Amino acid sequence: MRMSANVLFAALTLAGVAGAEPPRLIIDTDMSTDCDDVGATCIAHALMDRGEVNLIAVVHDTGLDTGVGAVSSINSYYGRPNLPVGAYKGPFDATVRGSYVDDLVQRFPGAITNASQAPDALQVYRKALASSPDTSVWISSIGFTTNLEALLKSPPDDISPLSGPDLVKNKVKGIAWMGGRYPASTPGEPSPEHNFGYHDIGSSTAFTVENWPSSVPIVFLGWEVGAPIVTGGSMTNHTPLSNPCRAAYIDHSGAGNDRSSWDPATTLFAVRGAEAFYSEHSTGRNKVSSPDGNNQWVETGVSQNQSYLVLTASAEAVKTAIDDLLLAPPLLRRAE
């Protein structure tokens, strides 16, 4: 029997990590308008194919009904149709419908197509954390704080005897958070930064930052880091028509065009760490204003649980790493 290159690579990868538990990852995304949420989810699957991470859940954090359907389309393309997906079911951002979400749901249907078919995101969060070993989970927060706020406010229940803050303390190793500008929101630029202040989300952002357990690291990737890292154009020209990631980038930016990579860069950091790309500025804390969501880094001279990333490599180096993952064919899907 001949073994395909994809299957052979998977076998070699699994053999290489036998006995080693990769870090666990939850993605919390506002997949609706910008295609970089799609890029982040796609590279998480590619990293899982390589044995670098165990993607245990994806939760959607806006009220857009088909947002979880787009997530499911991507999960199914990568051969993981049953990966847990959770939906925020409140009103926030329910009417904001981007250029690609419905296209993905219609042309690349997954296991679910809308929020009515998915469990509540808070339930998925609590189950994913409760079933994980202590300090084993990284969260990639690449959207809004609707779900994180709900998690921090959640009491013990039949899923876990622990409150939300205690689940975070016990189970989460760190959170990589795309949001804000550093060292502060910048006059003359869109302010506050989108994830921190859009549609009056600022009070939720401020609550989540202030009430995040102090023992669990928060690493912020600001707007200024992700903006010059542009990716995805090569994927639109060199992956098959059946790839929903390709379709989302074409719908959003056009074939052959790159897009800034705030969310893929955040997710890559959650899995691989700073590598040779970043340094972490950790002496101080992030202050988010409520209700507007503007932020400012408050210097204290003392390292706490918060830091922000400073790009020390070229943006091209990070681009290469992300594009390499976007171009990788799914290992659990038949060759096309």
C-alpha atoms as a PDB file:
ATOM      1  CA  MET A   1       0.000   0.000   0.000  1.00  0.00           C
ATOM      2  CA  ARG A   2       1.336   3.412  -0.959  1.00  0.00           C
ATOM      3  CA  MET A   3       1.190   6.092   1.713  1.00  0.00           C
ATOM      4  CA  SER A   4       0.347   9.626   0.614  1.00  0.00           C
ATOM      5  CA  ALA A   5       2.750  12.412   1.459  1.00  0.00           C
ATOM      6  CA  ASN A   6       0.176  13.947   3.795  1.00  0.00           C
ATOM      7  CA  VAL A   7      -0.413  10.721   5.709  1.00  0.00           C
ATOM      8  CA  LEU A   8       3.332  10.033   5.886  1.00  0.00           C
ATOM      9  CA  PHE A   9       3.980  13.516   7.264  1.00  0.00           C
ATOM     10  CA  ALA A  10       1.233  13.026   9.848  1.00  0.00           C
ATOM     11  CA  ALA A  11       2.696   9.699  10.913  1.00  0.00           C
ATOM     12  CA  LEU A  12       6.177  11.151  11.258  1.00  0.00           C
ATOM     13  CA  THR A  13       4.828  14.126  13.180  1.00  0.00           C
ATOM     14  CA  LEU A  14       2.889  11.957  15.608  1.00  0.00           C
ATOM     15  CA  ALA A  15       5.873   9.702  16.080  1.00  0.00           C
ATOM     16  CA  GLY A  16       8.040  12.687  16.853  1.00  0.00           C
ATOM     17  CA  VAL A  17       5.766  13.865  19.613  1.00  0.00           C
ATOM     18  CA  ALA A  18       4.815  10.464  21.003  1.00  0.00           C
ATOM     19  CA  GLY A  19       4.585  10.683  24.751  1.00  0.00           C
ATOM     20  CA  ALA A  20       4.610  14.482  24.731  1.00  0.00           C
ATOM     21  CA  GLU A  21       1.331  16.277  25.319  1.00  0.00           C
ATOM     22  CA  PRO A  22       1.111  19.380  23.143  1.00  0.00           C
ATOM     23  CA  PRO A  23      -0.373  22.514  24.681  1.00  0.00           C
ATOM     24  CA  ARG A  24      -4.125  22.865  24.492  1.00  0.00           C
ATOM     25  CA  LEU A  25      -5.743  25.797  22.735  1.00  0.00           C
ATOM     26  CA  ILE A  26      -9.135  27.506  22.769  1.00  0.00           C
ATOM     27  CA  ILE A  27      -9.801  30.148  20.108  1.00  0.00           C
ATOM     28  CA  ASP A  28     -12.273  32.913  20.991  1.00  0.00           C
ATOM     29  CA  THR A  29     -13.133  34.665  17.716  1.00  0.00           C
ATOM     30  CA  ASP A  30     -15.459  37.320  16.307  1.00  0.00           C
ATOM     31  CA  MET A  31     -15.362  35.703  12.862  1.00  0.00           C
ATOM     32  CA  SER A  32     -17.679  38.019  10.945  1.00  0.00           C
ATOM     33  CA  THR A  33     -16.004  40.926   9.145  1.00  0.00           C
ATOM     34  CA  ASP A  34     -12.227  40.590   8.890  1.00  0.00           C
ATOM     35  CA  CYS A  35     -10.745  37.524   7.227  1.00  0.00           C
ATOM     36  CA  ASP A  36      -7.794  37.344   9.629  1.00  0.00           C
ATOM     37  CA  ASP A  37     -10.029  35.446  12.091  1.00  0.00           C
ATOM     38  CA  VAL A  38     -10.293  32.800   9.398  1.00  0.00           C
ATOM     39  CA  GLY A  39      -6.521  32.829   8.961  1.00  0.00           C
ATOM     40  CA  ALA A  40      -6.012  32.330  12.693  1.00  0.00           C
ATOM     41  CA  THR A  41      -8.375  29.360  12.820  1.00  0.00           C
ATOM     42  CA  CYS A  42      -6.796  27.808   9.743  1.00  0.00           C
ATOM     43  CA  ILE A  43      -3.249  28.038  11.068  1.00  0.00           C
ATOM     44  CA  ALA A  44      -4.392  26.535  14.384  1.00  0.00           C
ATOM     45  CA  HIS A  45      -5.570  23.475  12.439  1.00  0.00           C
ATOM     46  CA  ALA A  46      -2.297  23.384  10.513  1.00  0.00           C
ATOM     47  CA  LEU A  47      -0.363  23.558  13.780  1.00  0.00           C
ATOM     48  CA  MET A  48      -2.487  20.714  15.119  1.00  0.00           C
ATOM     49  CA  ASP A  49      -1.684  18.710  11.979  1.00  0.00           C
ATOM     50  CA  ARG A  50       1.995  19.179  12.854  1.00  0.00           C
ATOM     51  CA  GLY A  51       1.511  18.010  16.429  1.00  0.00           C
ATOM     52  CA  GLU A  52       2.332  21.420  17.899  1.00  0.00           C
ATOM     53  CA  VAL A  53      -1.005  22.054  19.593  1.00  0.00           C
ATOM     54  CA  ASN A  54      -4.261  20.393  20.568  1.00  0.00           C
ATOM     55  CA  LEU A  55      -7.096  22.665  19.462  1.00  0.00           C
ATOM     56  CA  ILE A  56      -9.857  21.708  21.908  1.00  0.00           C
ATOM     57  CA  ALA A  57     -12.586  24.259  21.120  1.00  0.00           C
ATOM     58  CA  VAL A  58     -13.497  27.352  19.121  1.00  0.00           C
ATOM     59  CA  VAL A  59     -16.018  29.795  20.546  1.00  0.00           C
ATOM     60  CA  HIS A  60     -17.655  32.646  18.653  1.00  0.00           C
ATOM     61  CA  ASP A  61     -18.150  35.929  20.511  1.00  0.00           C
ATOM     62  CA  THR A  62     -20.652  38.012  18.534  1.00  0.00           C
ATOM     63  CA  GLY A  63     -24.378  37.566  17.978  1.00  0.00           C
ATOM     64  CA  LEU A  64     -23.974  36.955  14.234  1.00  0.00           C
ATOM     65  CA  ASP A  65     -26.052  33.808  13.746  1.00  0.00           C
ATOM     66  CA  THR A  66     -23.924  32.246  11.001  1.00  0.00           C
ATOM     67  CA  GLY A  67     -20.537  33.028  12.576  1.00  0.00           C
ATOM     68  CA  VAL A  68     -20.303  29.575  14.144  1.00  0.00           C
ATOM     69  CA  GLY A  69     -21.307  28.107  10.799  1.00  0.00           C
ATOM     70  CA  ALA A  70     -18.212  29.630   9.195  1.00  0.00           C
ATOM     71  CA  VAL A  71     -16.106  28.204  12.019  1.00  0.00           C
ATOM     72  CA  SER A  72     -17.658  24.795  11.397  1.00  0.00           C
ATOM     73  CA  SER A  73     -16.904  25.064   7.665  1.00  0.00           C
ATOM     74  CA  ILE A  74     -13.215  25.470   8.469  1.00  0.00           C
ATOM     75  CA  ASN A  75     -13.188  22.687  11.064  1.00  0.00           C
ATOM     76  CA  SER A  76     -14.789  20.318   8.552  1.00  0.00           C
ATOM     77  CA  TYR A  77     -12.322  21.235   5.808  1.00  0.00           C
ATOM     78  CA  TYR A  78      -9.470  20.258   8.109  1.00  0.00           C
ATOM     79  CA  GLY A  79     -11.147  16.929   8.891  1.00  0.00           C
ATOM     80  CA  ARG A  80     -12.393  17.871  12.376  1.00  0.00           C
ATOM     81  CA  PRO A  81     -16.164  18.331  11.962  1.00  0.00           C
ATOM     82  CA  ASN A  82     -16.839  17.372  15.572  1.00  0.00           C
ATOM     83  CA  LEU A  83     -14.446  19.829  17.189  1.00  0.00           C
ATOM     84  CA  PRO A  84     -16.462  21.612  19.925  1.00  0.00           C
ATOM     85  CA  VAL A  85     -17.857  24.953  18.759  1.00  0.00           C
ATOM     86  CA  GLY A  86     -19.724  27.381  21.006  1.00  0.00           C
ATOM     87  CA  ALA A  87     -21.916  30.359  20.154  1.00  0.00           C
ATOM     88  CA  TYR A  88     -22.436  33.615  22.018  1.00  0.00           C
ATOM     89  CA  LYS A  89     -26.207  34.058  21.883  1.00  0.00           C
ATOM     90  CA  GLY A  90     -26.613  37.624  23.049  1.00  0.00           C
ATOM     91  CA  PRO A  91     -27.381  40.734  21.001  1.00  0.00           C
ATOM     92  CA  PHE A  92     -23.891  42.218  20.676  1.00  0.00           C
ATOM     93  CA  ASP A  93     -22.922  42.769  17.025  1.00  0.00           C
ATOM     94  CA  ALA A  94     -25.739  40.520  15.814  1.00  0.00           C
ATOM     95  CA  THR A  95     -26.356  42.576  12.672  1.00  0.00           C
ATOM     96  CA  VAL A  96     -22.728  42.994  11.561  1.00  0.00           C
ATOM     97  CA  ARG A  97     -22.367  40.624   8.620  1.00  0.00           C
ATOM     98  CA  GLY A  98     -19.105  40.590   6.710  1.00  0.00           C
ATOM     99  CA  SER A  99     -18.312  39.683   3.146  1.00  0.00           C
ATOM    100  CA  TYR A 100     -17.416  36.019   3.570  1.00  0.00           C
ATOM    101  CA  VAL A 101     -19.354  34.364   6.415  1.00  0.00           C
ATOM    102  CA  ASP A 102     -22.510  33.417   4.552  1.00  0.00           C
ATOM    103  CA  ASP A 103     -20.481  32.404   1.509  1.00  0.00           C
ATOM    104  CA  LEU A 104     -18.515  29.907   3.602  1.00  0.00           C
ATOM    105  CA  VAL A 105     -21.666  28.505   5.198  1.00  0.00           C
ATOM    106  CA  GLN A 106     -23.405  28.089   1.841  1.00  0.00           C
ATOM    107  CA  ARG A 107     -20.520  26.745  -0.249  1.00  0.00           C
ATOM    108  CA  PHE A 108     -18.594  24.787   2.414  1.00  0.00           C
ATOM    109  CA  PRO A 109     -21.261  23.535   4.857  1.00  0.00           C
ATOM    110  CA  GLY A 110     -19.946  22.044   8.062  1.00  0.00           C
ATOM    111  CA  ALA A 111     -21.565  20.104  10.867  1.00  0.00           C
ATOM    112  CA  ILE A 112     -23.518  23.198  11.938  1.00  0.00           C
ATOM    113  CA  THR A 113     -24.600  26.278  10.029  1.00  0.00           C
ATOM    114  CA  ASN A 114     -25.947  28.677  12.666  1.00  0.00           C
ATOM    115  CA  ALA A 115     -26.006  29.475  16.365  1.00  0.00           C
ATOM    116  CA  SER A 116     -29.253  27.602  17.016  1.00  0.00           C
ATOM    117  CA  GLN A 117     -27.401  24.344  16.337  1.00  0.00           C
ATOM    118  CA  ALA A 118     -24.486  25.104  18.687  1.00  0.00           C
ATOM    119  CA  PRO A 119     -24.229  25.045  22.471  1.00  0.00           C
ATOM    120  CA  ASP A 120     -23.679  28.265  24.366  1.00  0.00           C
ATOM    121  CA  ALA A 121     -20.073  29.453  24.269  1.00  0.00           C
ATOM    122  CA  LEU A 122     -19.875  29.636  28.067  1.00  0.00           C
ATOM    123  CA  GLN A 123     -20.871  25.979  28.326  1.00  0.00           C
ATOM    124  CA  VAL A 124     -18.183  25.020  25.797  1.00  0.00           C
ATOM    125  CA  TYR A 125     -15.581  27.109  27.654  1.00  0.00           C
ATOM    126  CA  ARG A 126     -16.377  25.521  31.001  1.00  0.00           C
ATOM    127  CA  LYS A 127     -16.413  21.977  29.607  1.00  0.00           C
ATOM    128  CA  ALA A 128     -13.141  22.447  27.724  1.00  0.00           C
ATOM    129  CA  LEU A 129     -11.389  23.871  30.777  1.00  0.00           C
ATOM    130  CA  ALA A 130     -12.869  21.427  33.299  1.00  0.00           C
ATOM    131  CA  SER A 131     -11.754  18.428  31.232  1.00  0.00           C
ATOM    132  CA  SER A 132      -8.175  19.692  30.812  1.00  0.00           C
ATOM    133  CA  PRO A 133      -5.139  19.097  33.029  1.00  0.00           C
ATOM    134  CA  ASP A 134      -4.086  21.953  35.263  1.00  0.00           C
ATOM    135  CA  THR A 135      -2.226  24.853  33.588  1.00  0.00           C
ATOM    136  CA  SER A 136      -2.449  23.198  30.169  1.00  0.00           C
ATOM    137  CA  VAL A 137      -4.645  25.575  28.151  1.00  0.00           C
ATOM    138  CA  TRP A 138      -3.766  28.684  26.174  1.00  0.00           C
ATOM    139  CA  ILE A 139      -6.577  30.942  25.031  1.00  0.00           C
ATOM    140  CA  SER A 140      -6.216  32.949  21.828  1.00  0.00           C
ATOM    141  CA  SER A 141      -8.593  35.888  22.228  1.00  0.00           C
ATOM    142  CA  ILE A 142      -9.000  37.390  18.760  1.00  0.00           C
ATOM    143  CA  GLY A 143     -12.296  39.170  19.095  1.00  0.00           C
ATOM    144  CA  PHE A 144     -14.448  40.658  21.807  1.00  0.00           C
ATOM    145  CA  THR A 145     -14.797  39.866  25.519  1.00  0.00           C
ATOM    146  CA  THR A 146     -18.438  38.755  25.628  1.00  0.00           C
ATOM    147  CA  ASN A 147     -17.518  35.135  26.376  1.00  0.00           C
ATOM    148  CA  LEU A 148     -14.556  35.906  28.620  1.00  0.00           C
ATOM    149  CA  GLU A 149     -16.673  38.251  30.745  1.00  0.00           C
ATOM    150  CA  ALA A 150     -19.335  35.552  31.048  1.00  0.00           C
ATOM    151  CA  LEU A 151     -16.687  32.990  32.023  1.00  0.00           C
ATOM    152  CA  LEU A 152     -15.313  35.229  34.770  1.00  0.00           C
ATOM    153  CA  LYS A 153     -18.830  35.813  36.113  1.00  0.00           C
ATOM    154  CA  SER A 154     -19.887  32.149  35.963  1.00  0.00           C
ATOM    155  CA  PRO A 155     -20.653  30.259  39.207  1.00  0.00           C
ATOM    156  CA  PRO A 156     -20.045  26.577  39.913  1.00  0.00           C
ATOM    157  CA  ASP A 157     -22.436  24.331  38.001  1.00  0.00           C
ATOM    158  CA  ASP A 158     -22.982  20.735  36.938  1.00  0.00           C
ATOM    159  CA  ILE A 159     -19.990  20.983  34.601  1.00  0.00           C
ATOM    160  CA  SER A 160     -17.528  21.924  37.350  1.00  0.00           C
ATOM    161  CA  PRO A 161     -17.653  22.743  41.068  1.00  0.00           C
ATOM    162  CA  LEU A 162     -15.266  25.619  40.313  1.00  0.00           C
ATOM    163  CA  SER A 163     -16.292  29.170  39.565  1.00  0.00           C
ATOM    164  CA  GLY A 164     -15.122  30.745  36.334  1.00  0.00           C
ATOM    165  CA  PRO A 165     -12.189  32.585  37.935  1.00  0.00           C
ATOM    166  CA  ASP A 166     -11.095  29.391  39.673  1.00  0.00           C
ATOM    167  CA  LEU A 167     -11.315  27.415  36.431  1.00  0.00           C
ATOM    168  CA  VAL A 168      -9.082  30.024  34.802  1.00  0.00           C
ATOM    169  CA  LYS A 169      -6.627  29.930  37.716  1.00  0.00           C
ATOM    170  CA  ASN A 170      -6.400  26.147  37.666  1.00  0.00           C
ATOM    171  CA  LYS A 171      -6.564  25.307  33.984  1.00  0.00           C
ATOM    172  CA  VAL A 172      -5.297  28.250  31.907  1.00  0.00           C
ATOM    173  CA  LYS A 173      -1.584  28.623  31.309  1.00  0.00           C
ATOM    174  CA  GLY A 174      -1.967  31.987  29.604  1.00  0.00           C
ATOM    175  CA  ILE A 175      -4.060  34.107  27.290  1.00  0.00           C
ATOM    176  CA  ALA A 176      -2.759  35.672  24.084  1.00  0.00           C
ATOM    177  CA  TRP A 177      -4.994  38.669  23.514  1.00  0.00           C
ATOM    178  CA  MET A 178      -5.260  40.689  20.318  1.00  0.00           C
ATOM    179  CA  GLY A 179      -6.409  44.104  21.446  1.00  0.00           C
ATOM    180  CA  GLY A 180      -5.341  47.667  22.181  1.00  0.00           C
ATOM    181  CA  ARG A 181      -2.336  49.714  21.102  1.00  0.00           C
ATOM    182  CA  TYR A 182       0.934  49.954  23.009  1.00  0.00           C
ATOM    183  CA  PRO A 183       2.076  51.748  24.910  1.00  0.00           C
ATOM    184  CA  ALA A 184      -1.258  53.557  24.477  1.00  0.00           C
ATOM    185  CA  SER A 185      -4.171  54.266  22.162  1.00  0.00           C
ATOM    186  CA  THR A 186      -2.803  56.626  19.538  1.00  0.00           C
ATOM    187  CA  PRO A 187      -4.310  60.016  18.648  1.00  0.00           C
ATOM    188  CA  GLY A 188      -4.846  60.206  14.902  1.00  0.00           C
ATOM    189  CA  GLU A 189      -5.362  56.452  14.590  1.00  0.00           C
ATOM    190  CA  PRO A 190      -8.752  54.756  14.950  1.00  0.00           C
ATOM    191  CA  SER A 191      -9.246  54.966  18.694  1.00  0.00           C
ATOM    192  CA  PRO A 192     -10.046  52.956  20.694  1.00  0.00           C
ATOM    193  CA  GLU A 193      -8.660  49.850  19.015  1.00  0.00           C
ATOM    194  CA  HIS A 194     -11.462  47.784  17.438  1.00  0.00           C
ATOM    195  CA  ASN A 195     -11.471  44.748  19.747  1.00  0.00           C
ATOM    196  CA  PHE A 196     -11.349  46.930  22.855  1.00  0.00           C
ATOM    197  CA  GLY A 197     -13.985  49.527  22.041  1.00  0.00           C
ATOM    198  CA  TYR A 198     -16.195  48.690  19.061  1.00  0.00           C
ATOM    199  CA  HIS A 199     -19.955  49.124  19.566  1.00  0.00           C
ATOM    200  CA  ASP A 200     -19.610  50.009  23.259  1.00  0.00           C
ATOM    201  CA  ILE A 201     -17.748  46.812  24.209  1.00  0.00           C
ATOM    202  CA  GLY A 202     -15.274  48.895  26.266  1.00  0.00           C
ATOM    203  CA  SER A 203     -16.921  48.280  29.634  1.00  0.00           C
ATOM    204  CA  SER A 204     -16.763  44.510  29.050  1.00  0.00           C
ATOM    205  CA  THR A 205     -13.112  44.789  27.974  1.00  0.00           C
ATOM    206  CA  ALA A 206     -12.221  46.794  31.086  1.00  0.00           C
ATOM    207  CA  PHE A 207     -14.031  44.318  33.351  1.00  0.00           C
ATOM    208  CA  THR A 208     -12.219  41.355  31.828  1.00  0.00           C
ATOM    209  CA  VAL A 209      -8.773  42.938  32.105  1.00  0.00           C
ATOM    210  CA  GLU A 210      -9.359  44.065  35.691  1.00  0.00           C
ATOM    211  CA  ASN A 211     -10.860  40.787  36.892  1.00  0.00           C
ATOM    212  CA  TRP A 212      -8.569  38.329  35.115  1.00  0.00           C
ATOM    213  CA  PRO A 213      -6.852  36.204  37.805  1.00  0.00           C
ATOM    214  CA  SER A 214      -3.504  37.756  38.659  1.00  0.00           C
ATOM    215  CA  SER A 215      -1.734  34.384  38.627  1.00  0.00           C
ATOM    216  CA  VAL A 216      -2.501  33.759  34.933  1.00  0.00           C
ATOM    217  CA  PRO A 217      -0.388  35.590  32.319  1.00  0.00           C
ATOM    218  CA  ILE A 218      -1.976  37.927  29.776  1.00  0.00           C
ATOM    219  CA  VAL A 219       0.099  38.735  26.696  1.00  0.00           C
ATOM    220  CA  PHE A 220      -1.336  41.512  24.522  1.00  0.00           C
ATOM    221  CA  LEU A 221      -0.593  41.796  20.821  1.00  0.00           C
ATOM    222  CA  GLY A 222      -1.417  45.334  19.795  1.00  0.00           C
ATOM    223  CA  TRP A 223      -2.700  46.797  16.560  1.00  0.00           C
ATOM    224  CA  GLU A 224       0.758  48.156  15.746  1.00  0.00           C
ATOM    225  CA  VAL A 225       2.294  44.670  15.762  1.00  0.00           C
ATOM    226  CA  GLY A 226      -0.179  42.885  13.512  1.00  0.00           C
ATOM    227  CA  ALA A 227      -0.775  45.653  10.969  1.00  0.00           C
ATOM    228  CA  PRO A 228       2.534  45.336   9.038  1.00  0.00           C
ATOM    229  CA  ILE A 229       2.454  41.511   9.005  1.00  0.00           C
ATOM    230  CA  VAL A 230       0.499  40.868   5.806  1.00  0.00           C
ATOM    231  CA  THR A 231      -0.405  37.345   4.744  1.00  0.00           C
ATOM    232  CA  GLY A 232      -2.813  35.184   2.794  1.00  0.00           C
ATOM    233  CA  GLY A 233      -2.327  36.334  -0.800  1.00  0.00           C
ATOM    234  CA  SER A 234      -0.223  33.349  -1.780  1.00  0.00           C
ATOM    235  CA  MET A 235      -2.825  30.996  -0.286  1.00  0.00           C
ATOM    236  CA  THR A 236      -5.494  32.383  -2.619  1.00  0.00           C
ATOM    237  CA  ASN A 237      -3.342  31.462  -5.617  1.00  0.00           C
ATOM    238  CA  HIS A 238      -1.906  28.131  -4.496  1.00  0.00           C
ATOM    239  CA  THR A 239      -4.570  26.180  -2.607  1.00  0.00           C
ATOM    240  CA  PRO A 240      -7.589  24.292  -4.028  1.00  0.00           C
ATOM    241  CA  LEU A 241     -11.018  25.769  -4.737  1.00  0.00           C
ATOM    242  CA  SER A 242     -12.411  23.587  -1.946  1.00  0.00           C
ATOM    243  CA  ASN A 243     -10.477  25.569   0.686  1.00  0.00           C
ATOM    244  CA  PRO A 244     -12.826  27.858   2.677  1.00  0.00           C
ATOM    245  CA  CYS A 245      -9.840  29.815   4.021  1.00  0.00           C
ATOM    246  CA  ARG A 246      -8.942  30.734   0.454  1.00  0.00           C
ATOM    247  CA  ALA A 247     -12.538  31.737  -0.263  1.00  0.00           C
ATOM    248  CA  ALA A 248     -12.756  34.005   2.788  1.00  0.00           C
ATOM    249  CA  TYR A 249      -9.605  35.915   1.842  1.00  0.00           C
ATOM    250  CA  ILE A 250     -10.802  36.351  -1.740  1.00  0.00           C
ATOM    251  CA  ASP A 251     -14.234  37.516  -0.557  1.00  0.00           C
ATOM    252  CA  HIS A 252     -12.624  40.027   1.785  1.00  0.00           C
ATOM    253  CA  SER A 253      -9.538  41.284  -0.040  1.00  0.00           C
ATOM    254  CA  GLY A 254      -9.526  39.833  -3.559  1.00  0.00           C
ATOM    255  CA  ALA A 255      -7.369  37.119  -5.081  1.00  0.00           C
ATOM    256  CA  GLY A 256      -3.645  37.546  -4.606  1.00  0.00           C
ATOM    257  CA  ASN A 257      -3.970  40.249  -1.973  1.00  0.00           C
ATOM    258  CA  ASP A 258      -2.535  40.015   1.520  1.00  0.00           C
ATOM    259  CA  ARG A 259      -4.292  41.099   4.695  1.00  0.00           C
ATOM    260  CA  SER A 260      -2.874  42.332   8.002  1.00  0.00           C
ATOM    261  CA  SER A 261      -2.412  39.457  10.420  1.00  0.00           C
ATOM    262  CA  TRP A 262      -3.416  40.557  13.900  1.00  0.00           C
ATOM    263  CA  ASP A 263      -5.270  37.330  14.673  1.00  0.00           C
ATOM    264  CA  PRO A 264      -2.945  34.783  13.025  1.00  0.00           C
ATOM    265  CA  ALA A 265       0.039  36.408  14.776  1.00  0.00           C
ATOM    266  CA  THR A 266      -1.746  36.211  18.124  1.00  0.00           C
ATOM    267  CA  THR A 267      -2.649  32.560  17.638  1.00  0.00           C
ATOM    268  CA  LEU A 268       0.847  31.664  16.457  1.00  0.00           C
ATOM    269  CA  PHE A 269       2.254  33.281  19.601  1.00  0.00           C
ATOM    270  CA  ALA A 270      -0.185  31.297  21.771  1.00  0.00           C
ATOM    271  CA  VAL A 271       1.265  28.087  20.335  1.00  0.00           C
ATOM    272  CA  ARG A 272       4.936  28.849  19.673  1.00  0.00           C
ATOM    273  CA  GLY A 273       5.655  31.720  22.040  1.00  0.00           C
ATOM    274  CA  ALA A 274       7.821  34.703  21.212  1.00  0.00           C
ATOM    275  CA  GLU A 275      10.428  32.640  19.310  1.00  0.00           C
ATOM    276  CA  ALA A 276      12.773  35.039  17.526  1.00  0.00           C
ATOM    277  CA  PHE A 277       9.934  37.370  16.565  1.00  0.00           C
ATOM    278  CA  TYR A 278       9.096  39.360  19.695  1.00  0.00           C
ATOM    279  CA  SER A 279      10.184  40.641  23.051  1.00  0.00           C
ATOM    280  CA  GLU A 280       7.704  40.993  25.915  1.00  0.00           C
ATOM    281  CA  HIS A 281       7.391  44.296  27.776  1.00  0.00           C
ATOM    282  CA  SER A 282       6.230  43.181  31.188  1.00  0.00           C
ATOM    283  CA  THR A 283       6.944  45.946  33.700  1.00  0.00           C
ATOM    284  CA  GLY A 284       3.527  47.388  34.280  1.00  0.00           C
ATOM    285  CA  ARG A 285      -0.109  46.729  33.478  1.00  0.00           C
ATOM    286  CA  ASN A 286      -2.734  47.570  30.915  1.00  0.00           C
ATOM    287  CA  LYS A 287      -5.353  50.149  31.924  1.00  0.00           C
ATOM    288  CA  VAL A 288      -8.536  50.066  29.816  1.00  0.00           C
ATOM    289  CA  SER A 289     -10.968  52.930  30.153  1.00  0.00           C
ATOM    290  CA  SER A 290     -14.652  52.209  30.626  1.00  0.00           C
ATOM    291  CA  PRO A 291     -16.866  52.665  28.719  1.00  0.00           C
ATOM    292  CA  ASP A 292     -14.852  53.791  25.668  1.00  0.00           C
ATOM    293  CA  GLY A 293     -12.192  51.035  25.587  1.00  0.00           C
ATOM    294  CA  ASN A 294      -9.139  53.252  25.127  1.00  0.00           C
ATOM    295  CA  ASN A 295      -6.068  51.756  26.730  1.00  0.00           C
ATOM    296  CA  GLN A 296      -2.787  52.911  28.238  1.00  0.00           C
ATOM    297  CA  TRP A 297       0.136  50.928  29.589  1.00  0.00           C
ATOM    298  CA  VAL A 298       0.852  51.998  33.157  1.00  0.00           C
ATOM    299  CA  GLU A 299       4.549  51.596  33.979  1.00  0.00           C
ATOM    300  CA  THR A 300       5.259  50.284  37.468  1.00  0.00           C
ATOM    301  CA  GLY A 301       8.835  49.053  37.100  1.00  0.00           C
ATOM    302  CA  VAL A 302       7.671  45.670  38.340  1.00  0.00           C
ATOM    303  CA  SER A 303       6.797  42.591  36.284  1.00  0.00           C
ATOM    304  CA  GLN A 304       3.257  41.437  36.924  1.00  0.00           C
ATOM    305  CA  ASN A 305       1.053  38.997  35.030  1.00  0.00           C
ATOM    306  CA  GLN A 306       0.604  41.303  32.029  1.00  0.00           C
ATOM    307  CA  SER A 307       2.868  42.078  29.093  1.00  0.00           C
ATOM    308  CA  TYR A 308       2.665  43.335  25.543  1.00  0.00           C
ATOM    309  CA  LEU A 309       4.590  42.154  22.508  1.00  0.00           C
ATOM    310  CA  VAL A 310       7.174  44.238  20.692  1.00  0.00           C
ATOM    311  CA  LEU A 311       8.103  43.100  17.191  1.00  0.00           C
ATOM    312  CA  THR A 312      11.874  42.595  17.121  1.00  0.00           C
ATOM    313  CA  ALA A 313      12.153  40.605  13.880  1.00  0.00           C
ATOM    314  CA  SER A 314      11.074  41.777  10.472  1.00  0.00           C
ATOM    315  CA  ALA A 315       7.392  41.621   9.655  1.00  0.00           C
ATOM    316  CA  GLU A 316       8.446  39.510   6.663  1.00  0.00           C
ATOM    317  CA  ALA A 317       9.796  36.796   8.977  1.00  0.00           C
ATOM    318  CA  VAL A 318       6.457  36.440  10.753  1.00  0.00           C
ATOM    319  CA  LYS A 319       4.652  36.584   7.406  1.00  0.00           C
ATOM    320  CA  THR A 320       6.707  33.642   6.152  1.00  0.00           C
ATOM    321  CA  ALA A 321       5.819  31.536   9.188  1.00  0.00           C
ATOM    322  CA  ILE A 322       2.092  32.275   8.860  1.00  0.00           C
ATOM    323  CA  ASP A 323       1.935  31.815   5.086  1.00  0.00           C
ATOM    324  CA  ASP A 324       3.729  28.488   5.420  1.00  0.00           C
ATOM    325  CA  LEU A 325       0.895  27.276   7.659  1.00  0.00           C
ATOM    326  CA  LEU A 326      -1.852  28.725   5.446  1.00  0.00           C
ATOM    327  CA  LEU A 327      -0.404  26.888   2.442  1.00  0.00           C
ATOM    328  CA  ALA A 328      -0.196  23.520   4.212  1.00  0.00           C
ATOM    329  CA  PRO A 329      -2.803  21.016   2.963  1.00  0.00           C
ATOM    330  CA  PRO A 330      -5.017  19.435   5.640  1.00  0.00           C
ATOM    331  CA  LEU A 331      -3.632  16.087   6.754  1.00  0.00           C
ATOM    332  CA  LEU A 332      -6.996  14.564   7.660  1.00  0.00           C
ATOM    333  CA  ARG A 333      -8.584  15.343   4.303  1.00  0.00           C
ATOM    334  CA  ARG A 334      -8.220  13.337   1.136  1.00  0.00           C
ATOM    335  CA  ALA A 335      -5.712  14.657  -1.373  1.00  0.00           C
ATOM    336  CA  GLU A 336      -7.277  16.922  -3.999  1.00  0.00           C
END
